[in-house]
């Protein structure tokens, strides 16, 4: 295996993305949540090398996150009007 200066290629990529203002952790989590929403937990665990319990947790979390996003979009904005309505 070749030796990489300053760490692994993934670490260097993370450093470059951070320098560009892209937060790596949230981007990684968003990608994992998208996969967990689309794949069964078993496939998710085998594809990414996670333990089955970890894959079950990610899959369960996607349901919570989806519900939260849907509820958040239905909340009234600061002005007190429901989202999507205009002032008359």
PDB file of N, CA and C in Angstrom:
ATOM      1  N   UNK A   1       0.855  -1.172   0.000  1.00  0.00           N
ATOM      2  CA  UNK A   1       0.000   0.000   0.000  1.00  0.00           C
ATOM      3  C   UNK A   1       0.898   1.232   0.000  1.00  0.00           C
ATOM      4  N   UNK A   2       0.615   2.210  -0.873  1.00  0.00           N
ATOM      5  CA  UNK A   2       1.475   3.390  -0.934  1.00  0.00           C
ATOM      6  C   UNK A   2       1.332   4.247   0.319  1.00  0.00           C
ATOM      7  N   UNK A   3       2.390   4.928   0.628  1.00  0.00           N
ATOM      8  CA  UNK A   3       2.389   5.827   1.775  1.00  0.00           C
ATOM      9  C   UNK A   3       2.035   7.232   1.289  1.00  0.00           C
ATOM     10  N   UNK A   4       1.034   7.836   1.903  1.00  0.00           N
ATOM     11  CA  UNK A   4       0.600   9.164   1.499  1.00  0.00           C
ATOM     12  C   UNK A   4       1.132  10.206   2.475  1.00  0.00           C
ATOM     13  N   UNK A   5       1.666  11.293   1.943  1.00  0.00           N
ATOM     14  CA  UNK A   5       2.107  12.357   2.848  1.00  0.00           C
ATOM     15  C   UNK A   5       0.906  13.029   3.488  1.00  0.00           C
ATOM     16  N   UNK A   6       1.063  13.477   4.717  1.00  0.00           N
ATOM     17  CA  UNK A   6       0.027  14.215   5.454  1.00  0.00           C
ATOM     18  C   UNK A   6      -1.262  13.435   5.608  1.00  0.00           C
ATOM     19  N   UNK A   7      -1.184  12.150   5.776  1.00  0.00           N
ATOM     20  CA  UNK A   7      -2.385  11.367   6.046  1.00  0.00           C
ATOM     21  C   UNK A   7      -2.986  10.726   4.817  1.00  0.00           C
ATOM     22  N   UNK A   8      -4.141  10.171   4.996  1.00  0.00           N
ATOM     23  CA  UNK A   8      -4.814   9.426   3.930  1.00  0.00           C
ATOM     24  C   UNK A   8      -5.439  10.376   2.911  1.00  0.00           C
ATOM     25  N   UNK A   9      -5.763   9.859   1.719  1.00  0.00           N
ATOM     26  CA  UNK A   9      -6.430  10.695   0.718  1.00  0.00           C
ATOM     27  C   UNK A   9      -7.758  11.260   1.213  1.00  0.00           C
ATOM     28  N   UNK A  10      -8.502  10.464   1.993  1.00  0.00           N
ATOM     29  CA  UNK A  10      -9.786  10.966   2.492  1.00  0.00           C
ATOM     30  C   UNK A  10      -9.575  12.114   3.472  1.00  0.00           C
ATOM     31  N   UNK A  11      -8.524  12.039   4.260  1.00  0.00           N
ATOM     32  CA  UNK A  11      -8.217  13.123   5.203  1.00  0.00           C
ATOM     33  C   UNK A  11      -7.822  14.392   4.446  1.00  0.00           C
ATOM     34  N   UNK A  12      -7.017  14.231   3.404  1.00  0.00           N
ATOM     35  CA  UNK A  12      -6.620  15.401   2.602  1.00  0.00           C
ATOM     36  C   UNK A  12      -7.831  16.017   1.918  1.00  0.00           C
ATOM     37  N   UNK A  13      -8.728  15.180   1.411  1.00  0.00           N
ATOM     38  CA  UNK A  13      -9.947  15.701   0.798  1.00  0.00           C
ATOM     39  C   UNK A  13     -10.766  16.471   1.816  1.00  0.00           C
ATOM     40  N   UNK A  14     -10.892  15.932   3.013  1.00  0.00           N
ATOM     41  CA  UNK A  14     -11.640  16.612   4.068  1.00  0.00           C
ATOM     42  C   UNK A  14     -11.017  17.975   4.378  1.00  0.00           C
ATOM     43  N   UNK A  15      -9.704  18.033   4.429  1.00  0.00           N
ATOM     44  CA  UNK A  15      -9.026  19.308   4.689  1.00  0.00           C
ATOM     45  C   UNK A  15      -9.265  20.310   3.571  1.00  0.00           C
ATOM     46  N   UNK A  16      -9.233  19.845   2.331  1.00  0.00           N
ATOM     47  CA  UNK A  16      -9.474  20.749   1.193  1.00  0.00           C
ATOM     48  C   UNK A  16     -10.909  21.255   1.179  1.00  0.00           C
ATOM     49  N   UNK A  17     -11.864  20.380   1.454  1.00  0.00           N
ATOM     50  CA  UNK A  17     -13.267  20.802   1.491  1.00  0.00           C
ATOM     51  C   UNK A  17     -13.515  21.794   2.618  1.00  0.00           C
ATOM     52  N   UNK A  18     -12.906  21.552   3.769  1.00  0.00           N
ATOM     53  CA  UNK A  18     -13.038  22.466   4.899  1.00  0.00           C
ATOM     54  C   UNK A  18     -12.466  23.831   4.546  1.00  0.00           C
ATOM     55  N   UNK A  19     -11.348  23.853   3.840  1.00  0.00           N
ATOM     56  CA  UNK A  19     -10.746  25.118   3.419  1.00  0.00           C
ATOM     57  C   UNK A  19     -11.666  25.888   2.472  1.00  0.00           C
ATOM     58  N   UNK A  20     -12.502  25.171   1.734  1.00  0.00           N
ATOM     59  CA  UNK A  20     -13.464  25.810   0.828  1.00  0.00           C
ATOM     60  C   UNK A  20     -14.757  26.203   1.528  1.00  0.00           C
ATOM     61  N   UNK A  21     -14.854  25.906   2.808  1.00  0.00           N
ATOM     62  CA  UNK A  21     -16.044  26.268   3.564  1.00  0.00           C
ATOM     63  C   UNK A  21     -17.111  25.192   3.595  1.00  0.00           C
ATOM     64  N   UNK A  22     -16.794  24.001   3.131  1.00  0.00           N
ATOM     65  CA  UNK A  22     -17.754  22.893   3.132  1.00  0.00           C
ATOM     66  C   UNK A  22     -17.535  22.084   4.399  1.00  0.00           C
ATOM     67  N   UNK A  23     -18.545  22.019   5.229  1.00  0.00           N
ATOM     68  CA  UNK A  23     -18.451  21.271   6.474  1.00  0.00           C
ATOM     69  C   UNK A  23     -18.625  19.791   6.170  1.00  0.00           C
ATOM     70  N   UNK A  24     -17.578  19.022   6.427  1.00  0.00           N
ATOM     71  CA  UNK A  24     -17.528  17.616   6.028  1.00  0.00           C
ATOM     72  C   UNK A  24     -18.483  16.746   6.843  1.00  0.00           C
ATOM     73  N   UNK A  25     -18.542  16.948   8.148  1.00  0.00           N
ATOM     74  CA  UNK A  25     -19.383  16.106   9.001  1.00  0.00           C
ATOM     75  C   UNK A  25     -20.852  16.132   8.612  1.00  0.00           C
ATOM     76  N   UNK A  26     -21.469  17.311   8.501  1.00  0.00           N
ATOM     77  CA  UNK A  26     -22.874  17.350   8.099  1.00  0.00           C
ATOM     78  C   UNK A  26     -23.113  16.786   6.694  1.00  0.00           C
ATOM     79  N   UNK A  27     -22.165  17.007   5.786  1.00  0.00           N
ATOM     80  CA  UNK A  27     -22.319  16.464   4.430  1.00  0.00           C
ATOM     81  C   UNK A  27     -22.289  14.933   4.455  1.00  0.00           C
ATOM     82  N   UNK A  28     -21.397  14.381   5.266  1.00  0.00           N
ATOM     83  CA  UNK A  28     -21.308  12.922   5.404  1.00  0.00           C
ATOM     84  C   UNK A  28     -22.597  12.369   5.988  1.00  0.00           C
ATOM     85  N   UNK A  29     -23.073  13.006   7.046  1.00  0.00           N
ATOM     86  CA  UNK A  29     -24.294  12.530   7.688  1.00  0.00           C
ATOM     87  C   UNK A  29     -25.494  12.627   6.762  1.00  0.00           C
ATOM     88  N   UNK A  30     -25.580  13.703   5.992  1.00  0.00           N
ATOM     89  CA  UNK A  30     -26.692  13.851   5.046  1.00  0.00           C
ATOM     90  C   UNK A  30     -26.651  12.749   3.997  1.00  0.00           C
ATOM     91  N   UNK A  31     -25.467  12.426   3.519  1.00  0.00           N
ATOM     92  CA  UNK A  31     -25.328  11.349   2.534  1.00  0.00           C
ATOM     93  C   UNK A  31     -25.724  10.000   3.124  1.00  0.00           C
ATOM     94  N   UNK A  32     -25.288   9.747   4.357  1.00  0.00           N
ATOM     95  CA  UNK A  32     -25.651   8.487   5.007  1.00  0.00           C
ATOM     96  C   UNK A  32     -27.155   8.399   5.256  1.00  0.00           C
ATOM     97  N   UNK A  33     -27.762   9.518   5.636  1.00  0.00           N
ATOM     98  CA  UNK A  33     -29.215   9.497   5.864  1.00  0.00           C
ATOM     99  C   UNK A  33     -29.966   9.227   4.573  1.00  0.00           C
ATOM    100  N   UNK A  34     -29.493   9.793   3.466  1.00  0.00           N
ATOM    101  CA  UNK A  34     -30.138   9.551   2.173  1.00  0.00           C
ATOM    102  C   UNK A  34     -30.034   8.073   1.801  1.00  0.00           C
ATOM    103  N   UNK A  35     -28.866   7.484   1.981  1.00  0.00           N
ATOM    104  CA  UNK A  35     -28.707   6.052   1.698  1.00  0.00           C
ATOM    105  C   UNK A  35     -29.578   5.203   2.613  1.00  0.00           C
ATOM    106  N   UNK A  36     -29.616   5.560   3.895  1.00  0.00           N
ATOM    107  CA  UNK A  36     -30.410   4.788   4.850  1.00  0.00           C
ATOM    108  C   UNK A  36     -31.899   4.868   4.524  1.00  0.00           C
ATOM    109  N   UNK A  37     -32.331   5.997   3.963  1.00  0.00           N
ATOM    110  CA  UNK A  37     -33.742   6.138   3.595  1.00  0.00           C
ATOM    111  C   UNK A  37     -34.070   5.272   2.386  1.00  0.00           C
ATOM    112  N   UNK A  38     -33.107   5.108   1.473  1.00  0.00           N
ATOM    113  CA  UNK A  38     -33.367   4.406   0.218  1.00  0.00           C
ATOM    114  C   UNK A  38     -33.098   2.896   0.280  1.00  0.00           C
ATOM    115  N   UNK A  39     -32.241   2.467   1.200  1.00  0.00           N
ATOM    116  CA  UNK A  39     -31.845   1.060   1.245  1.00  0.00           C
ATOM    117  C   UNK A  39     -32.386   0.369   2.493  1.00  0.00           C
ATOM    118  N   UNK A  40     -32.657  -0.914   2.396  1.00  0.00           N
ATOM    119  CA  UNK A  40     -32.972  -1.676   3.612  1.00  0.00           C
ATOM    120  C   UNK A  40     -31.752  -1.678   4.538  1.00  0.00           C
ATOM    121  N   UNK A  41     -31.984  -1.791   5.817  1.00  0.00           N
ATOM    122  CA  UNK A  41     -30.901  -1.736   6.799  1.00  0.00           C
ATOM    123  C   UNK A  41     -29.841  -2.810   6.532  1.00  0.00           C
ATOM    124  N   UNK A  42     -30.260  -3.983   6.130  1.00  0.00           N
ATOM    125  CA  UNK A  42     -29.295  -5.055   5.870  1.00  0.00           C
ATOM    126  C   UNK A  42     -28.341  -4.669   4.742  1.00  0.00           C
ATOM    127  N   UNK A  43     -28.873  -4.163   3.649  1.00  0.00           N
ATOM    128  CA  UNK A  43     -28.051  -3.761   2.504  1.00  0.00           C
ATOM    129  C   UNK A  43     -27.148  -2.597   2.904  1.00  0.00           C
ATOM    130  N   UNK A  44     -27.703  -1.644   3.625  1.00  0.00           N
ATOM    131  CA  UNK A  44     -26.948  -0.490   4.117  1.00  0.00           C
ATOM    132  C   UNK A  44     -25.747  -0.952   4.947  1.00  0.00           C
ATOM    133  N   UNK A  45     -25.962  -1.909   5.836  1.00  0.00           N
ATOM    134  CA  UNK A  45     -24.873  -2.382   6.703  1.00  0.00           C
ATOM    135  C   UNK A  45     -23.799  -3.108   5.901  1.00  0.00           C
ATOM    136  N   UNK A  46     -24.209  -3.945   4.957  1.00  0.00           N
ATOM    137  CA  UNK A  46     -23.235  -4.713   4.173  1.00  0.00           C
ATOM    138  C   UNK A  46     -22.486  -3.825   3.191  1.00  0.00           C
ATOM    139  N   UNK A  47     -23.162  -2.896   2.586  1.00  0.00           N
ATOM    140  CA  UNK A  47     -22.548  -2.014   1.595  1.00  0.00           C
ATOM    141  C   UNK A  47     -21.486  -1.118   2.215  1.00  0.00           C
ATOM    142  N   UNK A  48     -21.766  -0.581   3.403  1.00  0.00           N
ATOM    143  CA  UNK A  48     -20.852   0.375   4.024  1.00  0.00           C
ATOM    144  C   UNK A  48     -19.998  -0.218   5.135  1.00  0.00           C
ATOM    145  N   UNK A  49     -20.228  -1.484   5.469  1.00  0.00           N
ATOM    146  CA  UNK A  49     -19.419  -2.126   6.487  1.00  0.00           C
ATOM    147  C   UNK A  49     -19.806  -1.761   7.909  1.00  0.00           C
ATOM    148  N   UNK A  50     -21.013  -1.269   8.107  1.00  0.00           N
ATOM    149  CA  UNK A  50     -21.494  -0.944   9.451  1.00  0.00           C
ATOM    150  C   UNK A  50     -22.037  -2.200  10.116  1.00  0.00           C
ATOM    151  N   UNK A  51     -22.040  -2.194  11.440  1.00  0.00           N
ATOM    152  CA  UNK A  51     -22.703  -3.258  12.180  1.00  0.00           C
ATOM    153  C   UNK A  51     -24.205  -3.177  11.910  1.00  0.00           C
ATOM    154  N   UNK A  52     -24.873  -4.312  12.015  1.00  0.00           N
ATOM    155  CA  UNK A  52     -26.314  -4.336  11.746  1.00  0.00           C
ATOM    156  C   UNK A  52     -27.077  -3.368  12.646  1.00  0.00           C
ATOM    157  N   UNK A  53     -26.715  -3.302  13.926  1.00  0.00           N
ATOM    158  CA  UNK A  53     -27.393  -2.392  14.855  1.00  0.00           C
ATOM    159  C   UNK A  53     -27.196  -0.929  14.436  1.00  0.00           C
ATOM    160  N   UNK A  54     -26.014  -0.595  13.971  1.00  0.00           N
ATOM    161  CA  UNK A  54     -25.748   0.772  13.506  1.00  0.00           C
ATOM    162  C   UNK A  54     -26.616   1.083  12.290  1.00  0.00           C
ATOM    163  N   UNK A  55     -26.704   0.153  11.372  1.00  0.00           N
ATOM    164  CA  UNK A  55     -27.552   0.347  10.190  1.00  0.00           C
ATOM    165  C   UNK A  55     -29.020   0.477  10.591  1.00  0.00           C
ATOM    166  N   UNK A  56     -29.456  -0.317  11.560  1.00  0.00           N
ATOM    167  CA  UNK A  56     -30.833  -0.202  12.059  1.00  0.00           C
ATOM    168  C   UNK A  56     -31.071   1.181  12.656  1.00  0.00           C
ATOM    169  N   UNK A  57     -30.081   1.689  13.395  1.00  0.00           N
ATOM    170  CA  UNK A  57     -30.204   3.023  13.991  1.00  0.00           C
ATOM    171  C   UNK A  57     -30.298   4.103  12.924  1.00  0.00           C
ATOM    172  N   UNK A  58     -29.446   4.017  11.904  1.00  0.00           N
ATOM    173  CA  UNK A  58     -29.492   5.014  10.827  1.00  0.00           C
ATOM    174  C   UNK A  58     -30.841   4.950  10.105  1.00  0.00           C
ATOM    175  N   UNK A  59     -31.326   3.745   9.837  1.00  0.00           N
ATOM    176  CA  UNK A  59     -32.604   3.599   9.141  1.00  0.00           C
ATOM    177  C   UNK A  59     -33.748   4.157   9.981  1.00  0.00           C
ATOM    178  N   UNK A  60     -33.722   3.886  11.274  1.00  0.00           N
ATOM    179  CA  UNK A  60     -34.758   4.423  12.162  1.00  0.00           C
ATOM    180  C   UNK A  60     -34.676   5.942  12.237  1.00  0.00           C
ATOM    181  N   UNK A  61     -33.483   6.486  12.239  1.00  0.00           N
ATOM    182  CA  UNK A  61     -33.281   7.932  12.331  1.00  0.00           C
ATOM    183  C   UNK A  61     -33.829   8.654  11.099  1.00  0.00           C
ATOM    184  N   UNK A  62     -33.769   8.019   9.941  1.00  0.00           N
ATOM    185  CA  UNK A  62     -34.260   8.692   8.735  1.00  0.00           C
ATOM    186  C   UNK A  62     -35.751   8.954   8.823  1.00  0.00           C
ATOM    187  N   UNK A  63     -36.490   8.065   9.449  1.00  0.00           N
ATOM    188  CA  UNK A  63     -37.918   8.319   9.626  1.00  0.00           C
ATOM    189  C   UNK A  63     -38.153   9.520  10.517  1.00  0.00           C
ATOM    190  N   UNK A  64     -37.371   9.628  11.574  1.00  0.00           N
ATOM    191  CA  UNK A  64     -37.476  10.762  12.494  1.00  0.00           C
ATOM    192  C   UNK A  64     -37.097  12.045  11.795  1.00  0.00           C
ATOM    193  N   UNK A  65     -36.022  12.019  11.033  1.00  0.00           N
ATOM    194  CA  UNK A  65     -35.559  13.222  10.352  1.00  0.00           C
ATOM    195  C   UNK A  65     -36.580  13.675   9.302  1.00  0.00           C
ATOM    196  N   UNK A  66     -37.166  12.738   8.580  1.00  0.00           N
ATOM    197  CA  UNK A  66     -38.147  13.088   7.566  1.00  0.00           C
ATOM    198  C   UNK A  66     -39.377  13.722   8.208  1.00  0.00           C
ATOM    199  N   UNK A  67     -39.827  13.150   9.306  1.00  0.00           N
ATOM    200  CA  UNK A  67     -40.985  13.711  10.001  1.00  0.00           C
ATOM    201  C   UNK A  67     -40.672  15.102  10.523  1.00  0.00           C
ATOM    202  N   UNK A  68     -39.465  15.265  11.050  1.00  0.00           N
ATOM    203  CA  UNK A  68     -39.075  16.557  11.586  1.00  0.00           C
ATOM    204  C   UNK A  68     -39.058  17.610  10.476  1.00  0.00           C
ATOM    205  N   UNK A  69     -38.480  17.268   9.324  1.00  0.00           N
ATOM    206  CA  UNK A  69     -38.423  18.215   8.215  1.00  0.00           C
ATOM    207  C   UNK A  69     -39.826  18.578   7.734  1.00  0.00           C
ATOM    208  N   UNK A  70     -40.711  17.596   7.663  1.00  0.00           N
ATOM    209  CA  UNK A  70     -42.076  17.867   7.235  1.00  0.00           C
ATOM    210  C   UNK A  70     -42.793  18.770   8.235  1.00  0.00           C
ATOM    211  N   UNK A  71     -42.628  18.491   9.517  1.00  0.00           N
ATOM    212  CA  UNK A  71     -43.255  19.339  10.540  1.00  0.00           C
ATOM    213  C   UNK A  71     -42.672  20.738  10.534  1.00  0.00           C
ATOM    214  N   UNK A  72     -41.381  20.843  10.334  1.00  0.00           N
ATOM    215  CA  UNK A  72     -40.732  22.143  10.306  1.00  0.00           C
ATOM    216  C   UNK A  72     -41.254  22.981   9.147  1.00  0.00           C
ATOM    217  N   UNK A  73     -41.488  22.370   7.997  1.00  0.00           N
ATOM    218  CA  UNK A  73     -41.969  23.121   6.837  1.00  0.00           C
ATOM    219  C   UNK A  73     -43.409  23.599   7.024  1.00  0.00           C
ATOM    220  N   UNK A  74     -44.162  22.961   7.916  1.00  0.00           N
ATOM    221  CA  UNK A  74     -45.550  23.362   8.159  1.00  0.00           C
ATOM    222  C   UNK A  74     -45.684  24.442   9.226  1.00  0.00           C
ATOM    223  N   UNK A  75     -44.613  24.723   9.954  1.00  0.00           N
ATOM    224  CA  UNK A  75     -44.679  25.728  11.006  1.00  0.00           C
ATOM    225  C   UNK A  75     -44.906  27.113  10.428  1.00  0.00           C
ATOM    226  N   UNK A  76     -45.580  27.936  11.207  1.00  0.00           N
ATOM    227  CA  UNK A  76     -45.823  29.317  10.785  1.00  0.00           C
ATOM    228  C   UNK A  76     -44.523  30.106  10.878  1.00  0.00           C
ATOM    229  N   UNK A  77     -44.269  30.979   9.901  1.00  0.00           N
ATOM    230  CA  UNK A  77     -43.083  31.821   9.996  1.00  0.00           C
ATOM    231  C   UNK A  77     -43.226  32.820  11.138  1.00  0.00           C
ATOM    232  N   UNK A  78     -42.199  33.604  11.380  1.00  0.00           N
ATOM    233  CA  UNK A  78     -42.182  34.536  12.502  1.00  0.00           C
ATOM    234  C   UNK A  78     -43.368  35.489  12.481  1.00  0.00           C
ATOM    235  N   UNK A  79     -43.847  35.854  11.297  1.00  0.00           N
ATOM    236  CA  UNK A  79     -44.961  36.801  11.182  1.00  0.00           C
ATOM    237  C   UNK A  79     -46.293  36.231  11.646  1.00  0.00           C
ATOM    238  N   UNK A  80     -46.381  34.938  11.916  1.00  0.00           N
ATOM    239  CA  UNK A  80     -47.601  34.338  12.415  1.00  0.00           C
ATOM    240  C   UNK A  80     -48.505  33.768  11.340  1.00  0.00           C
ATOM    241  N   UNK A  81     -48.162  33.964  10.063  1.00  0.00           N
ATOM    242  CA  UNK A  81     -48.972  33.407   8.976  1.00  0.00           C
ATOM    243  C   UNK A  81     -48.454  32.015   8.623  1.00  0.00           C
ATOM    244  N   UNK A  82     -49.327  31.102   8.236  1.00  0.00           N
ATOM    245  CA  UNK A  82     -48.872  29.781   7.814  1.00  0.00           C
ATOM    246  C   UNK A  82     -47.978  29.904   6.593  1.00  0.00           C
ATOM    247  N   UNK A  83     -47.052  28.986   6.462  1.00  0.00           N
ATOM    248  CA  UNK A  83     -46.127  28.985   5.319  1.00  0.00           C
ATOM    249  C   UNK A  83     -46.914  28.894   4.017  1.00  0.00           C
ATOM    250  N   UNK A  84     -46.497  29.641   3.009  1.00  0.00           N
ATOM    251  CA  UNK A  84     -47.125  29.603   1.706  1.00  0.00           C
ATOM    252  C   UNK A  84     -48.283  30.559   1.535  1.00  0.00           C
ATOM    253  N   UNK A  85     -48.636  31.331   2.558  1.00  0.00           N
ATOM    254  CA  UNK A  85     -49.715  32.301   2.426  1.00  0.00           C
ATOM    255  C   UNK A  85     -49.131  33.695   2.332  1.00  0.00           C
ATOM    256  N   UNK A  86     -49.925  34.603   1.778  1.00  0.00           N
ATOM    257  CA  UNK A  86     -49.463  35.981   1.647  1.00  0.00           C
ATOM    258  C   UNK A  86     -50.317  36.902   2.481  1.00  0.00           C
ATOM    259  N   UNK A  87     -49.788  38.057   2.782  1.00  0.00           N
ATOM    260  CA  UNK A  87     -50.507  39.049   3.560  1.00  0.00           C
ATOM    261  C   UNK A  87     -51.533  39.726   2.669  1.00  0.00           C
ATOM    262  N   UNK A  88     -52.789  39.834   3.157  1.00  0.00           N
ATOM    263  CA  UNK A  88     -53.834  40.489   2.366  1.00  0.00           C
ATOM    264  C   UNK A  88     -54.301  41.756   3.019  1.00  0.00           C
TER     265      UNK A  88
END
